[in-house]
Amino acid sequence: MKELLIAIVNGLVEDKSAVSVDVDEPNEEGVIVYHLHVAADDMGRVIGKQGRIAKAIRTVMRAGAGRQNQKIMVEID
């Protein structure tokens, strides 16, 4: 899942070297939190107008996690 998130975001940003993902252990509800870090200049590209791109990224990630019987959440830092 981490590789999927990085692949999606690398297509959006200019500074690919600044993209990193931290993964937390599952919490008490079994939700795994992925913390996405990008360069400050690329933050707008990842979030998109009115958060549409961020919402789409979260939707794709949730669909992929569902196929693996996981619950995930993506936070953009």
PDB file of N, CA and C in Angstrom:
ATOM      1  N   MET A   1       0.824  -1.194   0.000  1.00  0.00           N
ATOM      2  CA  MET A   1       0.000   0.000   0.000  1.00  0.00           C
ATOM      3  C   MET A   1       0.869   1.259   0.000  1.00  0.00           C
ATOM      4  N   LYS A   2       1.968   1.200   0.715  1.00  0.00           N
ATOM      5  CA  LYS A   2       2.867   2.338   0.766  1.00  0.00           C
ATOM      6  C   LYS A   2       3.410   2.646  -0.630  1.00  0.00           C
ATOM      7  N   GLU A   3       3.750   1.604  -1.387  1.00  0.00           N
ATOM      8  CA  GLU A   3       4.278   1.787  -2.735  1.00  0.00           C
ATOM      9  C   GLU A   3       3.226   2.384  -3.661  1.00  0.00           C
ATOM     10  N   LEU A   4       1.977   1.987  -3.489  1.00  0.00           N
ATOM     11  CA  LEU A   4       0.882   2.546  -4.293  1.00  0.00           C
ATOM     12  C   LEU A   4       0.737   4.038  -4.032  1.00  0.00           C
ATOM     13  N   LEU A   5       0.768   4.431  -2.784  1.00  0.00           N
ATOM     14  CA  LEU A   5       0.644   5.839  -2.431  1.00  0.00           C
ATOM     15  C   LEU A   5       1.798   6.652  -3.019  1.00  0.00           C
ATOM     16  N   ILE A   6       3.004   6.142  -2.921  1.00  0.00           N
ATOM     17  CA  ILE A   6       4.161   6.850  -3.468  1.00  0.00           C
ATOM     18  C   ILE A   6       4.056   6.958  -4.986  1.00  0.00           C
ATOM     19  N   ALA A   7       3.610   5.906  -5.647  1.00  0.00           N
ATOM     20  CA  ALA A   7       3.476   5.932  -7.104  1.00  0.00           C
ATOM     21  C   ALA A   7       2.443   6.964  -7.548  1.00  0.00           C
ATOM     22  N   ILE A   8       1.337   7.051  -6.839  1.00  0.00           N
ATOM     23  CA  ILE A   8       0.298   8.029  -7.181  1.00  0.00           C
ATOM     24  C   ILE A   8       0.832   9.442  -7.016  1.00  0.00           C
ATOM     25  N   VAL A   9       1.476   9.709  -5.898  1.00  0.00           N
ATOM     26  CA  VAL A   9       1.927  11.061  -5.587  1.00  0.00           C
ATOM     27  C   VAL A   9       3.093  11.483  -6.478  1.00  0.00           C
ATOM     28  N   ASN A  10       3.972  10.547  -6.837  1.00  0.00           N
ATOM     29  CA  ASN A  10       5.099  10.894  -7.702  1.00  0.00           C
ATOM     30  C   ASN A  10       4.635  11.420  -9.051  1.00  0.00           C
ATOM     31  N   GLY A  11       3.477  11.008  -9.510  1.00  0.00           N
ATOM     32  CA  GLY A  11       2.932  11.521 -10.759  1.00  0.00           C
ATOM     33  C   GLY A  11       2.413  12.940 -10.645  1.00  0.00           C
ATOM     34  N   LEU A  12       2.237  13.429  -9.439  1.00  0.00           N
ATOM     35  CA  LEU A  12       1.664  14.757  -9.226  1.00  0.00           C
ATOM     36  C   LEU A  12       2.691  15.829  -8.901  1.00  0.00           C
ATOM     37  N   VAL A  13       3.773  15.450  -8.237  1.00  0.00           N
ATOM     38  CA  VAL A  13       4.692  16.446  -7.692  1.00  0.00           C
ATOM     39  C   VAL A  13       5.874  16.708  -8.625  1.00  0.00           C
ATOM     40  N   GLU A  14       6.546  17.841  -8.404  1.00  0.00           N
ATOM     41  CA  GLU A  14       7.765  18.163  -9.144  1.00  0.00           C
ATOM     42  C   GLU A  14       8.995  17.634  -8.413  1.00  0.00           C
ATOM     43  N   ASP A  15       9.016  17.778  -7.088  1.00  0.00           N
ATOM     44  CA  ASP A  15      10.159  17.344  -6.284  1.00  0.00           C
ATOM     45  C   ASP A  15       9.901  15.933  -5.747  1.00  0.00           C
ATOM     46  N   LYS A  16      10.242  14.930  -6.562  1.00  0.00           N
ATOM     47  CA  LYS A  16       9.962  13.542  -6.190  1.00  0.00           C
ATOM     48  C   LYS A  16      10.827  13.061  -5.022  1.00  0.00           C
ATOM     49  N   SER A  17      11.974  13.712  -4.813  1.00  0.00           N
ATOM     50  CA  SER A  17      12.863  13.293  -3.728  1.00  0.00           C
ATOM     51  C   SER A  17      12.301  13.674  -2.353  1.00  0.00           C
ATOM     52  N   ALA A  18      11.364  14.616  -2.308  1.00  0.00           N
ATOM     53  CA  ALA A  18      10.793  15.055  -1.034  1.00  0.00           C
ATOM     54  C   ALA A  18       9.601  14.210  -0.607  1.00  0.00           C
ATOM     55  N   VAL A  19       9.160  13.281  -1.450  1.00  0.00           N
ATOM     56  CA  VAL A  19       7.995  12.452  -1.123  1.00  0.00           C
ATOM     57  C   VAL A  19       8.417  11.348  -0.164  1.00  0.00           C
ATOM     58  N   SER A  20       7.728  11.270   0.971  1.00  0.00           N
ATOM     59  CA  SER A  20       7.975  10.182   1.912  1.00  0.00           C
ATOM     60  C   SER A  20       6.667   9.807   2.595  1.00  0.00           C
ATOM     61  N   VAL A  21       6.599   8.559   3.035  1.00  0.00           N
ATOM     62  CA  VAL A  21       5.398   8.043   3.686  1.00  0.00           C
ATOM     63  C   VAL A  21       5.806   7.346   4.971  1.00  0.00           C
ATOM     64  N   ASP A  22       5.186   7.741   6.078  1.00  0.00           N
ATOM     65  CA  ASP A  22       5.372   7.062   7.352  1.00  0.00           C
ATOM     66  C   ASP A  22       4.116   6.259   7.645  1.00  0.00           C
ATOM     67  N   VAL A  23       4.300   5.048   8.123  1.00  0.00           N
ATOM     68  CA  VAL A  23       3.160   4.165   8.393  1.00  0.00           C
ATOM     69  C   VAL A  23       3.092   3.887   9.886  1.00  0.00           C
ATOM     70  N   ASP A  24       1.930   4.153  10.487  1.00  0.00           N
ATOM     71  CA  ASP A  24       1.718   3.853  11.897  1.00  0.00           C
ATOM     72  C   ASP A  24       1.219   2.415  12.049  1.00  0.00           C
ATOM     73  N   GLU A  25       1.423   1.882  13.224  1.00  0.00           N
ATOM     74  CA  GLU A  25       0.874   0.569  13.547  1.00  0.00           C
ATOM     75  C   GLU A  25      -0.650   0.680  13.630  1.00  0.00           C
ATOM     76  N   PRO A  26      -1.373  -0.408  13.390  1.00  0.00           N
ATOM     77  CA  PRO A  26      -2.845  -0.349  13.497  1.00  0.00           C
ATOM     78  C   PRO A  26      -3.281   0.078  14.893  1.00  0.00           C
ATOM     79  N   ASN A  27      -4.265   0.968  14.958  1.00  0.00           N
ATOM     80  CA  ASN A  27      -4.772   1.417  16.254  1.00  0.00           C
ATOM     81  C   ASN A  27      -5.770   0.395  16.793  1.00  0.00           C
ATOM     82  N   GLU A  28      -6.470   0.756  17.870  1.00  0.00           N
ATOM     83  CA  GLU A  28      -7.377  -0.205  18.517  1.00  0.00           C
ATOM     84  C   GLU A  28      -8.537  -0.623  17.621  1.00  0.00           C
ATOM     85  N   GLU A  29      -8.852   0.189  16.607  1.00  0.00           N
ATOM     86  CA  GLU A  29      -9.926  -0.161  15.668  1.00  0.00           C
ATOM     87  C   GLU A  29      -9.386  -0.883  14.444  1.00  0.00           C
ATOM     88  N   GLY A  30      -8.084  -1.102  14.382  1.00  0.00           N
ATOM     89  CA  GLY A  30      -7.473  -1.794  13.253  1.00  0.00           C
ATOM     90  C   GLY A  30      -7.183  -0.897  12.066  1.00  0.00           C
ATOM     91  N   VAL A  31      -7.196   0.414  12.257  1.00  0.00           N
ATOM     92  CA  VAL A  31      -6.954   1.359  11.167  1.00  0.00           C
ATOM     93  C   VAL A  31      -5.465   1.692  11.100  1.00  0.00           C
ATOM     94  N   ILE A  32      -4.883   1.543   9.914  1.00  0.00           N
ATOM     95  CA  ILE A  32      -3.488   1.878   9.678  1.00  0.00           C
ATOM     96  C   ILE A  32      -3.447   3.282   9.092  1.00  0.00           C
ATOM     97  N   VAL A  33      -2.651   4.169   9.689  1.00  0.00           N
ATOM     98  CA  VAL A  33      -2.565   5.556   9.233  1.00  0.00           C
ATOM     99  C   VAL A  33      -1.285   5.744   8.425  1.00  0.00           C
ATOM    100  N   TYR A  34      -1.446   6.259   7.211  1.00  0.00           N
ATOM    101  CA  TYR A  34      -0.324   6.591   6.341  1.00  0.00           C
ATOM    102  C   TYR A  34      -0.147   8.103   6.352  1.00  0.00           C
ATOM    103  N   HIS A  35       1.043   8.580   6.745  1.00  0.00           N
ATOM    104  CA  HIS A  35       1.339  10.008   6.777  1.00  0.00           C
ATOM    105  C   HIS A  35       2.172  10.334   5.541  1.00  0.00           C
ATOM    106  N   LEU A  36       1.598  11.129   4.646  1.00  0.00           N
ATOM    107  CA  LEU A  36       2.270  11.512   3.405  1.00  0.00           C
ATOM    108  C   LEU A  36       2.947  12.858   3.595  1.00  0.00           C
ATOM    109  N   HIS A  37       4.241  12.920   3.260  1.00  0.00           N
ATOM    110  CA  HIS A  37       4.998  14.163   3.357  1.00  0.00           C
ATOM    111  C   HIS A  37       5.487  14.540   1.962  1.00  0.00           C
ATOM    112  N   VAL A  38       5.219  15.786   1.557  1.00  0.00           N
ATOM    113  CA  VAL A  38       5.706  16.302   0.283  1.00  0.00           C
ATOM    114  C   VAL A  38       6.330  17.672   0.521  1.00  0.00           C
ATOM    115  N   ALA A  39       7.026  18.188  -0.489  1.00  0.00           N
ATOM    116  CA  ALA A  39       7.623  19.515  -0.379  1.00  0.00           C
ATOM    117  C   ALA A  39       6.516  20.559  -0.261  1.00  0.00           C
ATOM    118  N   ALA A  40       6.836  21.668   0.382  1.00  0.00           N
ATOM    119  CA  ALA A  40       5.839  22.723   0.594  1.00  0.00           C
ATOM    120  C   ALA A  40       5.304  23.258  -0.726  1.00  0.00           C
ATOM    121  N   ASP A  41       6.157  23.340  -1.744  1.00  0.00           N
ATOM    122  CA  ASP A  41       5.713  23.847  -3.048  1.00  0.00           C
ATOM    123  C   ASP A  41       4.738  22.894  -3.738  1.00  0.00           C
ATOM    124  N   ASP A  42       4.820  21.619  -3.421  1.00  0.00           N
ATOM    125  CA  ASP A  42       3.957  20.619  -4.054  1.00  0.00           C
ATOM    126  C   ASP A  42       2.681  20.333  -3.277  1.00  0.00           C
ATOM    127  N   MET A  43       2.526  20.939  -2.118  1.00  0.00           N
ATOM    128  CA  MET A  43       1.363  20.663  -1.275  1.00  0.00           C
ATOM    129  C   MET A  43       0.060  20.971  -2.022  1.00  0.00           C
ATOM    130  N   GLY A  44       0.010  22.072  -2.725  1.00  0.00           N
ATOM    131  CA  GLY A  44      -1.204  22.443  -3.459  1.00  0.00           C
ATOM    132  C   GLY A  44      -1.533  21.465  -4.563  1.00  0.00           C
ATOM    133  N   ARG A  45      -0.518  20.902  -5.199  1.00  0.00           N
ATOM    134  CA  ARG A  45      -0.744  19.920  -6.260  1.00  0.00           C
ATOM    135  C   ARG A  45      -1.367  18.639  -5.704  1.00  0.00           C
ATOM    136  N   VAL A  46      -0.926  18.251  -4.515  1.00  0.00           N
ATOM    137  CA  VAL A  46      -1.429  17.011  -3.919  1.00  0.00           C
ATOM    138  C   VAL A  46      -2.829  17.199  -3.353  1.00  0.00           C
ATOM    139  N   ILE A  47      -3.104  18.364  -2.799  1.00  0.00           N
ATOM    140  CA  ILE A  47      -4.425  18.610  -2.222  1.00  0.00           C
ATOM    141  C   ILE A  47      -5.450  18.938  -3.308  1.00  0.00           C
ATOM    142  N   GLY A  48      -5.075  19.777  -4.261  1.00  0.00           N
ATOM    143  CA  GLY A  48      -5.972  20.117  -5.359  1.00  0.00           C
ATOM    144  C   GLY A  48      -7.006  21.144  -4.952  1.00  0.00           C
ATOM    145  N   LYS A  49      -7.742  21.627  -5.947  1.00  0.00           N
ATOM    146  CA  LYS A  49      -8.782  22.619  -5.684  1.00  0.00           C
ATOM    147  C   LYS A  49      -9.880  21.996  -4.841  1.00  0.00           C
ATOM    148  N   GLN A  50     -10.175  22.642  -3.746  1.00  0.00           N
ATOM    149  CA  GLN A  50     -11.199  22.209  -2.797  1.00  0.00           C
ATOM    150  C   GLN A  50     -10.961  20.781  -2.303  1.00  0.00           C
ATOM    151  N   GLY A  51      -9.688  20.336  -2.327  1.00  0.00           N
ATOM    152  CA  GLY A  51      -9.341  19.026  -1.797  1.00  0.00           C
ATOM    153  C   GLY A  51      -9.741  17.852  -2.663  1.00  0.00           C
ATOM    154  N   ARG A  52     -10.038  18.105  -3.927  1.00  0.00           N
ATOM    155  CA  ARG A  52     -10.529  17.025  -4.793  1.00  0.00           C
ATOM    156  C   ARG A  52      -9.476  15.949  -5.053  1.00  0.00           C
ATOM    157  N   ILE A  53      -8.228  16.345  -5.283  1.00  0.00           N
ATOM    158  CA  ILE A  53      -7.183  15.356  -5.560  1.00  0.00           C
ATOM    159  C   ILE A  53      -6.887  14.545  -4.304  1.00  0.00           C
ATOM    160  N   ALA A  54      -6.827  15.210  -3.149  1.00  0.00           N
ATOM    161  CA  ALA A  54      -6.598  14.496  -1.889  1.00  0.00           C
ATOM    162  C   ALA A  54      -7.714  13.491  -1.638  1.00  0.00           C
ATOM    163  N   LYS A  55      -8.943  13.879  -1.920  1.00  0.00           N
ATOM    164  CA  LYS A  55     -10.076  12.965  -1.730  1.00  0.00           C
ATOM    165  C   LYS A  55      -9.966  11.768  -2.672  1.00  0.00           C
ATOM    166  N   ALA A  56      -9.538  12.019  -3.912  1.00  0.00           N
ATOM    167  CA  ALA A  56      -9.382  10.932  -4.877  1.00  0.00           C
ATOM    168  C   ALA A  56      -8.272   9.973  -4.450  1.00  0.00           C
ATOM    169  N   ILE A  57      -7.164  10.520  -3.941  1.00  0.00           N
ATOM    170  CA  ILE A  57      -6.066   9.672  -3.459  1.00  0.00           C
ATOM    171  C   ILE A  57      -6.562   8.788  -2.319  1.00  0.00           C
ATOM    172  N   ARG A  58      -7.307   9.378  -1.388  1.00  0.00           N
ATOM    173  CA  ARG A  58      -7.823   8.602  -0.249  1.00  0.00           C
ATOM    174  C   ARG A  58      -8.793   7.520  -0.725  1.00  0.00           C
ATOM    175  N   THR A  59      -9.608   7.827  -1.729  1.00  0.00           N
ATOM    176  CA  THR A  59     -10.573   6.849  -2.247  1.00  0.00           C
ATOM    177  C   THR A  59      -9.857   5.662  -2.880  1.00  0.00           C
ATOM    178  N   VAL A  60      -8.846   5.929  -3.697  1.00  0.00           N
ATOM    179  CA  VAL A  60      -8.087   4.849  -4.344  1.00  0.00           C
ATOM    180  C   VAL A  60      -7.375   3.999  -3.299  1.00  0.00           C
ATOM    181  N   MET A  61      -6.784   4.652  -2.309  1.00  0.00           N
ATOM    182  CA  MET A  61      -6.077   3.910  -1.267  1.00  0.00           C
ATOM    183  C   MET A  61      -7.035   3.045  -0.446  1.00  0.00           C
ATOM    184  N   ARG A  62      -8.217   3.581  -0.127  1.00  0.00           N
ATOM    185  CA  ARG A  62      -9.204   2.802   0.626  1.00  0.00           C
ATOM    186  C   ARG A  62      -9.682   1.599  -0.182  1.00  0.00           C
ATOM    187  N   ALA A  63      -9.849   1.784  -1.496  1.00  0.00           N
ATOM    188  CA  ALA A  63     -10.280   0.676  -2.346  1.00  0.00           C
ATOM    189  C   ALA A  63      -9.214  -0.416  -2.389  1.00  0.00           C
ATOM    190  N   GLY A  64      -7.956  -0.013  -2.522  1.00  0.00           N
ATOM    191  CA  GLY A  64      -6.871  -0.990  -2.523  1.00  0.00           C
ATOM    192  C   GLY A  64      -6.747  -1.713  -1.198  1.00  0.00           C
ATOM    193  N   ALA A  65      -6.939  -0.994  -0.114  1.00  0.00           N
ATOM    194  CA  ALA A  65      -6.861  -1.606   1.215  1.00  0.00           C
ATOM    195  C   ALA A  65      -8.022  -2.562   1.432  1.00  0.00           C
ATOM    196  N   GLY A  66      -9.167  -2.231   0.905  1.00  0.00           N
ATOM    197  CA  GLY A  66     -10.333  -3.103   1.044  1.00  0.00           C
ATOM    198  C   GLY A  66     -10.109  -4.452   0.396  1.00  0.00           C
ATOM    199  N   ARG A  67      -9.371  -4.465  -0.696  1.00  0.00           N
ATOM    200  CA  ARG A  67      -9.066  -5.724  -1.375  1.00  0.00           C
ATOM    201  C   ARG A  67      -8.147  -6.601  -0.532  1.00  0.00           C
ATOM    202  N   GLN A  68      -7.390  -5.974   0.377  1.00  0.00           N
ATOM    203  CA  GLN A  68      -6.488  -6.716   1.258  1.00  0.00           C
ATOM    204  C   GLN A  68      -7.054  -6.844   2.668  1.00  0.00           C
ATOM    205  N   ASN A  69      -8.340  -6.561   2.823  1.00  0.00           N
ATOM    206  CA  ASN A  69      -9.029  -6.630   4.113  1.00  0.00           C
ATOM    207  C   ASN A  69      -8.342  -5.771   5.183  1.00  0.00           C
ATOM    208  N   GLN A  70      -7.953  -4.556   4.789  1.00  0.00           N
ATOM    209  CA  GLN A  70      -7.338  -3.614   5.716  1.00  0.00           C
ATOM    210  C   GLN A  70      -8.208  -2.364   5.797  1.00  0.00           C
ATOM    211  N   LYS A  71      -8.056  -1.638   6.889  1.00  0.00           N
ATOM    212  CA  LYS A  71      -8.675  -0.340   7.029  1.00  0.00           C
ATOM    213  C   LYS A  71      -7.544   0.681   7.112  1.00  0.00           C
ATOM    214  N   ILE A  72      -7.581   1.699   6.248  1.00  0.00           N
ATOM    215  CA  ILE A  72      -6.494   2.666   6.252  1.00  0.00           C
ATOM    216  C   ILE A  72      -7.053   4.079   6.264  1.00  0.00           C
ATOM    217  N   MET A  73      -6.153   5.010   6.568  1.00  0.00           N
ATOM    218  CA  MET A  73      -6.461   6.432   6.519  1.00  0.00           C
ATOM    219  C   MET A  73      -5.198   7.120   6.019  1.00  0.00           C
ATOM    220  N   VAL A  74      -5.355   8.086   5.129  1.00  0.00           N
ATOM    221  CA  VAL A  74      -4.215   8.819   4.575  1.00  0.00           C
ATOM    222  C   VAL A  74      -4.264  10.255   5.093  1.00  0.00           C
ATOM    223  N   GLU A  75      -3.182  10.679   5.728  1.00  0.00           N
ATOM    224  CA  GLU A  75      -3.060  12.059   6.182  1.00  0.00           C
ATOM    225  C   GLU A  75      -1.960  12.738   5.392  1.00  0.00           C
ATOM    226  N   ILE A  76      -2.231  13.923   4.895  1.00  0.00           N
ATOM    227  CA  ILE A  76      -1.246  14.667   4.123  1.00  0.00           C
ATOM    228  C   ILE A  76      -0.643  15.727   5.030  1.00  0.00           C
ATOM    229  N   ASP A  77       0.651  15.573   5.318  1.00  0.00           N
ATOM    230  CA  ASP A  77       1.348  16.493   6.223  1.00  0.00           C
ATOM    231  C   ASP A  77       2.242  17.413   5.422  1.00  0.00           C
TER     232      ASP A  77
END
